[in-house]
Amino acid sequence: MRHAKLIVNPDQVVRREILLRKGKYRIGRDPMNDIELDDSAVSFEHCELEISELGVTIRDLQSTNGVAVDGKRAESTVLQSGQTVRLGRTSIRVEFDEIRVAIPEQTILPQVATSVILSDGSLSCLNHPETPGVFRCEQCGALFCASCVRSLRRISGGALYFCPVCPNALCAEIEWPKRTRRSEKLRAWLRKTLHISARR
């Protein structure tokens, strides 16, 4: 909210306009209030306006005749710009520039399947996350297991393997290096640390 103003008796020829800044304003019959109203039906401390970036809030301060917003009694409410508030025989209206927040449109991209790292250190097939990928597409780089690729036997021997995703793209067969098992690592560490010779 950039600008706000309070209009006292907005529907009458003689009316009063007060510019409002951020903060709290006490309204009532007492001259010590921020906004004094000359109305015997208004309490000495009738209500409070709070101006913030979020809007304008009005709170009744246990007044005798209460606060009515658009004809309905209210203890505490957030005002919309242009709403009429009745305090005793006095009507007030708060007008302000409303904040308009433009939320950019978000495009949700489809979730793309990827390979995962298996327990032996190899990467899985794109379509079968529990099976090692043994063929890599030369075009998209995706990994596939043997059941996913399309093969074509050559007369001269061997075969050509084709990616199931990229048209006419060849797949190259790959081999993952075998990792040392934990038990072998443990035995090697024990031999080194405790100077235990290996059995033959």
C-alpha atoms as a PDB file:
ATOM      1  CA  MET A   1       0.000   0.000   0.000  1.00  0.00           C
ATOM      2  CA  ARG A   2       1.524   3.311  -1.106  1.00  0.00           C
ATOM      3  CA  HIS A   3      -1.052   5.969  -0.137  1.00  0.00           C
ATOM      4  CA  ALA A   4      -3.979   6.027   2.299  1.00  0.00           C
ATOM      5  CA  LYS A   5      -6.391   8.684   3.424  1.00  0.00           C
ATOM      6  CA  LEU A   6      -9.233   8.889   5.910  1.00  0.00           C
ATOM      7  CA  ILE A   7     -12.383  10.758   4.859  1.00  0.00           C
ATOM      8  CA  VAL A   8     -14.673  11.885   7.707  1.00  0.00           C
ATOM      9  CA  ASN A   9     -18.365  12.146   6.679  1.00  0.00           C
ATOM     10  CA  PRO A  10     -17.584  11.357   3.015  1.00  0.00           C
ATOM     11  CA  ASP A  11     -21.205  11.763   1.847  1.00  0.00           C
ATOM     12  CA  GLN A  12     -21.639  15.270   3.254  1.00  0.00           C
ATOM     13  CA  VAL A  13     -20.781  18.608   1.669  1.00  0.00           C
ATOM     14  CA  VAL A  14     -18.490  19.507   4.564  1.00  0.00           C
ATOM     15  CA  ARG A  15     -16.070  16.648   4.919  1.00  0.00           C
ATOM     16  CA  ARG A  16     -12.571  16.199   6.243  1.00  0.00           C
ATOM     17  CA  GLU A  17      -9.684  14.330   4.618  1.00  0.00           C
ATOM     18  CA  ILE A  18      -6.665  13.134   6.580  1.00  0.00           C
ATOM     19  CA  LEU A  19      -3.570  11.615   4.950  1.00  0.00           C
ATOM     20  CA  LEU A  20      -2.407   8.467   6.706  1.00  0.00           C
ATOM     21  CA  ARG A  21       1.087   7.045   7.036  1.00  0.00           C
ATOM     22  CA  LYS A  22       2.194   3.689   8.379  1.00  0.00           C
ATOM     23  CA  GLY A  23       1.471   3.338  12.073  1.00  0.00           C
ATOM     24  CA  LYS A  24      -1.421   3.400  14.571  1.00  0.00           C
ATOM     25  CA  TYR A  25      -4.060   6.106  14.901  1.00  0.00           C
ATOM     26  CA  ARG A  26      -6.402   6.485  17.904  1.00  0.00           C
ATOM     27  CA  ILE A  27      -9.833   7.873  17.016  1.00  0.00           C
ATOM     28  CA  GLY A  28     -12.310   9.322  19.533  1.00  0.00           C
ATOM     29  CA  ARG A  29     -13.869  12.369  21.164  1.00  0.00           C
ATOM     30  CA  ASP A  30     -10.890  13.099  23.411  1.00  0.00           C
ATOM     31  CA  PRO A  31      -8.605  15.843  21.930  1.00  0.00           C
ATOM     32  CA  MET A  32      -5.593  13.713  22.956  1.00  0.00           C
ATOM     33  CA  ASN A  33      -6.474  11.180  20.231  1.00  0.00           C
ATOM     34  CA  ASP A  34      -4.641  11.210  16.911  1.00  0.00           C
ATOM     35  CA  ILE A  35      -7.957  11.894  15.178  1.00  0.00           C
ATOM     36  CA  GLU A  36     -10.589  13.789  17.157  1.00  0.00           C
ATOM     37  CA  LEU A  37     -14.283  13.449  16.264  1.00  0.00           C
ATOM     38  CA  ASP A  38     -16.790  16.040  17.512  1.00  0.00           C
ATOM     39  CA  ASP A  39     -19.646  13.578  18.091  1.00  0.00           C
ATOM     40  CA  SER A  40     -21.293  12.919  21.467  1.00  0.00           C
ATOM     41  CA  ALA A  41     -22.137   9.357  20.340  1.00  0.00           C
ATOM     42  CA  VAL A  42     -18.430   8.622  19.902  1.00  0.00           C
ATOM     43  CA  SER A  43     -16.476   7.390  22.946  1.00  0.00           C
ATOM     44  CA  PHE A  44     -13.440   9.272  24.247  1.00  0.00           C
ATOM     45  CA  GLU A  45     -11.224   6.482  22.874  1.00  0.00           C
ATOM     46  CA  HIS A  46     -13.462   4.821  20.336  1.00  0.00           C
ATOM     47  CA  CYS A  47     -11.279   2.794  17.960  1.00  0.00           C
ATOM     48  CA  GLU A  48      -7.811   2.381  16.510  1.00  0.00           C
ATOM     49  CA  LEU A  49      -6.614   2.258  12.907  1.00  0.00           C
ATOM     50  CA  GLU A  50      -3.380   0.452  12.042  1.00  0.00           C
ATOM     51  CA  ILE A  51      -1.818   1.213   8.663  1.00  0.00           C
ATOM     52  CA  SER A  52       0.738  -1.280   7.334  1.00  0.00           C
ATOM     53  CA  GLU A  53       2.025  -2.673   4.058  1.00  0.00           C
ATOM     54  CA  LEU A  54      -0.557  -5.452   4.408  1.00  0.00           C
ATOM     55  CA  GLY A  55      -3.512  -3.044   4.585  1.00  0.00           C
ATOM     56  CA  VAL A  56      -5.657  -1.139   7.101  1.00  0.00           C
ATOM     57  CA  THR A  57      -6.982  -2.771  10.275  1.00  0.00           C
ATOM     58  CA  ILE A  58      -9.626  -1.190  12.533  1.00  0.00           C
ATOM     59  CA  ARG A  59     -10.109  -2.281  16.161  1.00  0.00           C
ATOM     60  CA  ASP A  60     -12.892  -1.303  18.561  1.00  0.00           C
ATOM     61  CA  LEU A  61     -11.496  -0.034  21.894  1.00  0.00           C
ATOM     62  CA  GLN A  62     -14.518  -1.191  23.924  1.00  0.00           C
ATOM     63  CA  SER A  63     -16.521   1.832  22.810  1.00  0.00           C
ATOM     64  CA  THR A  64     -20.113   2.423  23.970  1.00  0.00           C
ATOM     65  CA  ASN A  65     -21.735   2.365  20.517  1.00  0.00           C
ATOM     66  CA  GLY A  66     -19.229   0.093  18.779  1.00  0.00           C
ATOM     67  CA  VAL A  67     -17.780   0.035  15.275  1.00  0.00           C
ATOM     68  CA  ALA A  68     -19.938  -0.913  12.263  1.00  0.00           C
ATOM     69  CA  VAL A  69     -18.287  -1.800   8.947  1.00  0.00           C
ATOM     70  CA  ASP A  70     -20.732  -1.668   6.038  1.00  0.00           C
ATOM     71  CA  GLY A  71     -23.569  -1.859   8.557  1.00  0.00           C
ATOM     72  CA  LYS A  72     -22.184  -4.872  10.475  1.00  0.00           C
ATOM     73  CA  ARG A  73     -20.683  -4.607  13.960  1.00  0.00           C
ATOM     74  CA  ALA A  74     -16.993  -5.511  14.081  1.00  0.00           C
ATOM     75  CA  GLU A  75     -14.494  -5.857  16.910  1.00  0.00           C
ATOM     76  CA  SER A  76     -11.427  -6.071  14.675  1.00  0.00           C
ATOM     77  CA  THR A  77     -11.326  -6.337  10.905  1.00  0.00           C
ATOM     78  CA  VAL A  78      -9.155  -5.592   7.879  1.00  0.00           C
ATOM     79  CA  LEU A  79     -10.732  -2.881   5.744  1.00  0.00           C
ATOM     80  CA  GLN A  80     -11.021  -2.942   1.988  1.00  0.00           C
ATOM     81  CA  SER A  81     -10.446   0.331   0.199  1.00  0.00           C
ATOM     82  CA  GLY A  82     -13.694   2.326   0.050  1.00  0.00           C
ATOM     83  CA  GLN A  83     -15.549   0.543   2.875  1.00  0.00           C
ATOM     84  CA  THR A  84     -17.701   2.760   5.092  1.00  0.00           C
ATOM     85  CA  VAL A  85     -17.214   2.622   8.874  1.00  0.00           C
ATOM     86  CA  ARG A  86     -19.790   4.024  11.296  1.00  0.00           C
ATOM     87  CA  LEU A  87     -18.650   5.466  14.632  1.00  0.00           C
ATOM     88  CA  GLY A  88     -21.624   6.852  16.570  1.00  0.00           C
ATOM     89  CA  ARG A  89     -23.283   9.334  14.182  1.00  0.00           C
ATOM     90  CA  THR A  90     -20.057   9.834  12.225  1.00  0.00           C
ATOM     91  CA  SER A  91     -19.119   7.849   9.155  1.00  0.00           C
ATOM     92  CA  ILE A  92     -15.554   7.483   7.948  1.00  0.00           C
ATOM     93  CA  ARG A  93     -14.053   5.899   4.856  1.00  0.00           C
ATOM     94  CA  VAL A  94     -10.481   4.785   4.268  1.00  0.00           C
ATOM     95  CA  GLU A  95      -9.215   4.854   0.703  1.00  0.00           C
ATOM     96  CA  PHE A  96      -5.860   3.475  -0.320  1.00  0.00           C
ATOM     97  CA  ASP A  97      -3.899   2.038  -3.213  1.00  0.00           C
ATOM     98  CA  GLU A  98      -4.070  -1.725  -3.027  1.00  0.00           C
ATOM     99  CA  ILE A  99      -0.964  -3.809  -3.573  1.00  0.00           C
ATOM    100  CA  ARG A 100      -1.111  -5.945  -6.667  1.00  0.00           C
ATOM    101  CA  VAL A 101       1.365  -8.801  -6.580  1.00  0.00           C
ATOM    102  CA  ALA A 102       2.080 -10.400  -9.929  1.00  0.00           C
ATOM    103  CA  ILE A 103       2.924 -14.064  -9.460  1.00  0.00           C
ATOM    104  CA  PRO A 104       4.852 -15.366 -12.469  1.00  0.00           C
ATOM    105  CA  GLU A 105       3.392 -18.382 -14.173  1.00  0.00           C
ATOM    106  CA  GLN A 106       5.325 -21.508 -13.310  1.00  0.00           C
ATOM    107  CA  THR A 107       5.879 -24.250 -15.814  1.00  0.00           C
ATOM    108  CA  ILE A 108       6.150 -27.664 -14.206  1.00  0.00           C
ATOM    109  CA  LEU A 109       8.551 -29.747 -16.248  1.00  0.00           C
ATOM    110  CA  PRO A 110       7.878 -33.451 -16.593  1.00  0.00           C
ATOM    111  CA  GLN A 111      10.025 -35.582 -14.313  1.00  0.00           C
ATOM    112  CA  VAL A 112      12.849 -37.126 -16.299  1.00  0.00           C
ATOM    113  CA  ALA A 113      13.985 -40.640 -15.413  1.00  0.00           C
ATOM    114  CA  THR A 114      17.684 -40.969 -14.565  1.00  0.00           C
ATOM    115  CA  SER A 115      20.040 -43.775 -13.711  1.00  0.00           C
ATOM    116  CA  VAL A 116      20.844 -44.463 -10.049  1.00  0.00           C
ATOM    117  CA  ILE A 117      24.054 -45.663  -8.420  1.00  0.00           C
ATOM    118  CA  LEU A 118      23.846 -49.330  -7.466  1.00  0.00           C
ATOM    119  CA  SER A 119      25.535 -50.938  -4.459  1.00  0.00           C
ATOM    120  CA  ASP A 120      28.459 -52.195  -6.570  1.00  0.00           C
ATOM    121  CA  GLY A 121      29.188 -48.681  -7.837  1.00  0.00           C
ATOM    122  CA  SER A 122      27.724 -49.141 -11.311  1.00  0.00           C
ATOM    123  CA  LEU A 123      24.875 -47.102 -12.748  1.00  0.00           C
ATOM    124  CA  SER A 124      21.454 -48.594 -13.356  1.00  0.00           C
ATOM    125  CA  CYS A 125      19.488 -48.970 -16.553  1.00  0.00           C
ATOM    126  CA  LEU A 126      17.328 -45.936 -17.316  1.00  0.00           C
ATOM    127  CA  ASN A 127      14.182 -48.089 -17.408  1.00  0.00           C
ATOM    128  CA  HIS A 128      15.091 -50.667 -14.756  1.00  0.00           C
ATOM    129  CA  PRO A 129      16.618 -48.989 -11.660  1.00  0.00           C
ATOM    130  CA  GLU A 130      17.681 -52.336 -10.098  1.00  0.00           C
ATOM    131  CA  THR A 131      19.551 -53.617 -13.172  1.00  0.00           C
ATOM    132  CA  PRO A 132      23.038 -52.397 -14.177  1.00  0.00           C
ATOM    133  CA  GLY A 133      23.208 -50.442 -17.419  1.00  0.00           C
ATOM    134  CA  VAL A 134      25.582 -52.211 -19.823  1.00  0.00           C
ATOM    135  CA  PHE A 135      24.890 -50.170 -22.979  1.00  0.00           C
ATOM    136  CA  ARG A 136      25.399 -46.409 -23.369  1.00  0.00           C
ATOM    137  CA  CYS A 137      23.679 -44.464 -26.158  1.00  0.00           C
ATOM    138  CA  GLU A 138      26.224 -42.564 -28.252  1.00  0.00           C
ATOM    139  CA  GLN A 139      23.715 -39.763 -28.829  1.00  0.00           C
ATOM    140  CA  CYS A 140      21.858 -39.105 -25.530  1.00  0.00           C
ATOM    141  CA  GLY A 141      24.313 -40.833 -23.177  1.00  0.00           C
ATOM    142  CA  ALA A 142      21.584 -42.830 -21.390  1.00  0.00           C
ATOM    143  CA  LEU A 143      22.358 -46.266 -19.957  1.00  0.00           C
ATOM    144  CA  PHE A 144      20.286 -49.366 -20.715  1.00  0.00           C
ATOM    145  CA  CYS A 145      20.324 -53.036 -19.848  1.00  0.00           C
ATOM    146  CA  ALA A 146      20.463 -55.766 -22.507  1.00  0.00           C
ATOM    147  CA  SER A 147      16.679 -56.259 -22.498  1.00  0.00           C
ATOM    148  CA  CYS A 148      16.062 -52.596 -23.390  1.00  0.00           C
ATOM    149  CA  VAL A 149      18.300 -52.146 -26.438  1.00  0.00           C
ATOM    150  CA  ARG A 150      17.337 -53.310 -29.916  1.00  0.00           C
ATOM    151  CA  SER A 151      19.956 -55.510 -31.568  1.00  0.00           C
ATOM    152  CA  LEU A 152      20.704 -56.328 -35.206  1.00  0.00           C
ATOM    153  CA  ARG A 153      22.943 -59.272 -36.003  1.00  0.00           C
ATOM    154  CA  ARG A 154      25.568 -58.630 -38.664  1.00  0.00           C
ATOM    155  CA  ILE A 155      26.475 -61.205 -41.323  1.00  0.00           C
ATOM    156  CA  SER A 156      30.154 -60.631 -40.641  1.00  0.00           C
ATOM    157  CA  GLY A 157      29.561 -61.438 -36.990  1.00  0.00           C
ATOM    158  CA  GLY A 158      28.741 -59.466 -33.905  1.00  0.00           C
ATOM    159  CA  ALA A 159      25.740 -57.164 -33.560  1.00  0.00           C
ATOM    160  CA  LEU A 160      24.671 -53.556 -33.662  1.00  0.00           C
ATOM    161  CA  TYR A 161      22.776 -52.198 -30.663  1.00  0.00           C
ATOM    162  CA  PHE A 162      20.284 -49.349 -30.992  1.00  0.00           C
ATOM    163  CA  CYS A 163      19.010 -46.918 -28.377  1.00  0.00           C
ATOM    164  CA  PRO A 164      15.312 -47.441 -27.486  1.00  0.00           C
ATOM    165  CA  VAL A 165      14.876 -43.652 -27.130  1.00  0.00           C
ATOM    166  CA  CYS A 166      16.916 -41.959 -29.888  1.00  0.00           C
ATOM    167  CA  PRO A 167      16.019 -42.930 -33.495  1.00  0.00           C
ATOM    168  CA  ASN A 168      18.797 -44.884 -35.228  1.00  0.00           C
ATOM    169  CA  ALA A 169      21.344 -44.037 -32.516  1.00  0.00           C
ATOM    170  CA  LEU A 170      23.893 -46.748 -31.740  1.00  0.00           C
ATOM    171  CA  CYS A 171      24.667 -47.978 -28.241  1.00  0.00           C
ATOM    172  CA  ALA A 172      28.156 -48.990 -27.161  1.00  0.00           C
ATOM    173  CA  GLU A 173      28.616 -51.883 -24.744  1.00  0.00           C
ATOM    174  CA  ILE A 174      30.375 -50.916 -21.511  1.00  0.00           C
ATOM    175  CA  GLU A 175      31.904 -52.887 -18.661  1.00  0.00           C
ATOM    176  CA  TRP A 176      31.927 -51.660 -15.077  1.00  0.00           C
ATOM    177  CA  PRO A 177      35.141 -52.325 -13.111  1.00  0.00           C
ATOM    178  CA  LYS A 178      34.519 -54.757 -10.282  1.00  0.00           C
ATOM    179  CA  ARG A 179      34.812 -53.161  -6.863  1.00  0.00           C
ATOM    180  CA  THR A 180      36.626 -54.872  -4.034  1.00  0.00           C
ATOM    181  CA  ARG A 181      34.160 -56.449  -1.652  1.00  0.00           C
ATOM    182  CA  ARG A 182      33.943 -55.215   1.918  1.00  0.00           C
ATOM    183  CA  SER A 183      35.208 -58.507   3.273  1.00  0.00           C
ATOM    184  CA  GLU A 184      38.304 -58.302   1.064  1.00  0.00           C
ATOM    185  CA  LYS A 185      38.888 -54.714   2.192  1.00  0.00           C
ATOM    186  CA  LEU A 186      38.540 -55.764   5.816  1.00  0.00           C
ATOM    187  CA  ARG A 187      41.020 -58.638   5.403  1.00  0.00           C
ATOM    188  CA  ALA A 188      43.504 -56.303   3.688  1.00  0.00           C
ATOM    189  CA  TRP A 189      43.160 -53.779   6.535  1.00  0.00           C
ATOM    190  CA  LEU A 190      43.647 -56.505   9.176  1.00  0.00           C
ATOM    191  CA  ARG A 191      46.732 -57.829   7.399  1.00  0.00           C
ATOM    192  CA  LYS A 192      48.211 -54.355   7.218  1.00  0.00           C
ATOM    193  CA  THR A 193      47.303 -53.288  10.759  1.00  0.00           C
ATOM    194  CA  LEU A 194      47.867 -56.547  12.692  1.00  0.00           C
ATOM    195  CA  HIS A 195      50.633 -57.863  10.404  1.00  0.00           C
ATOM    196  CA  ILE A 196      48.703 -61.059   9.692  1.00  0.00           C
ATOM    197  CA  SER A 197      50.097 -62.970   6.759  1.00  0.00           C
ATOM    198  CA  ALA A 198      47.703 -64.171   4.103  1.00  0.00           C
ATOM    199  CA  ARG A 199      46.918 -67.865   3.918  1.00  0.00           C
ATOM    200  CA  ARG A 200      48.193 -69.765   0.955  1.00  0.00           C
END
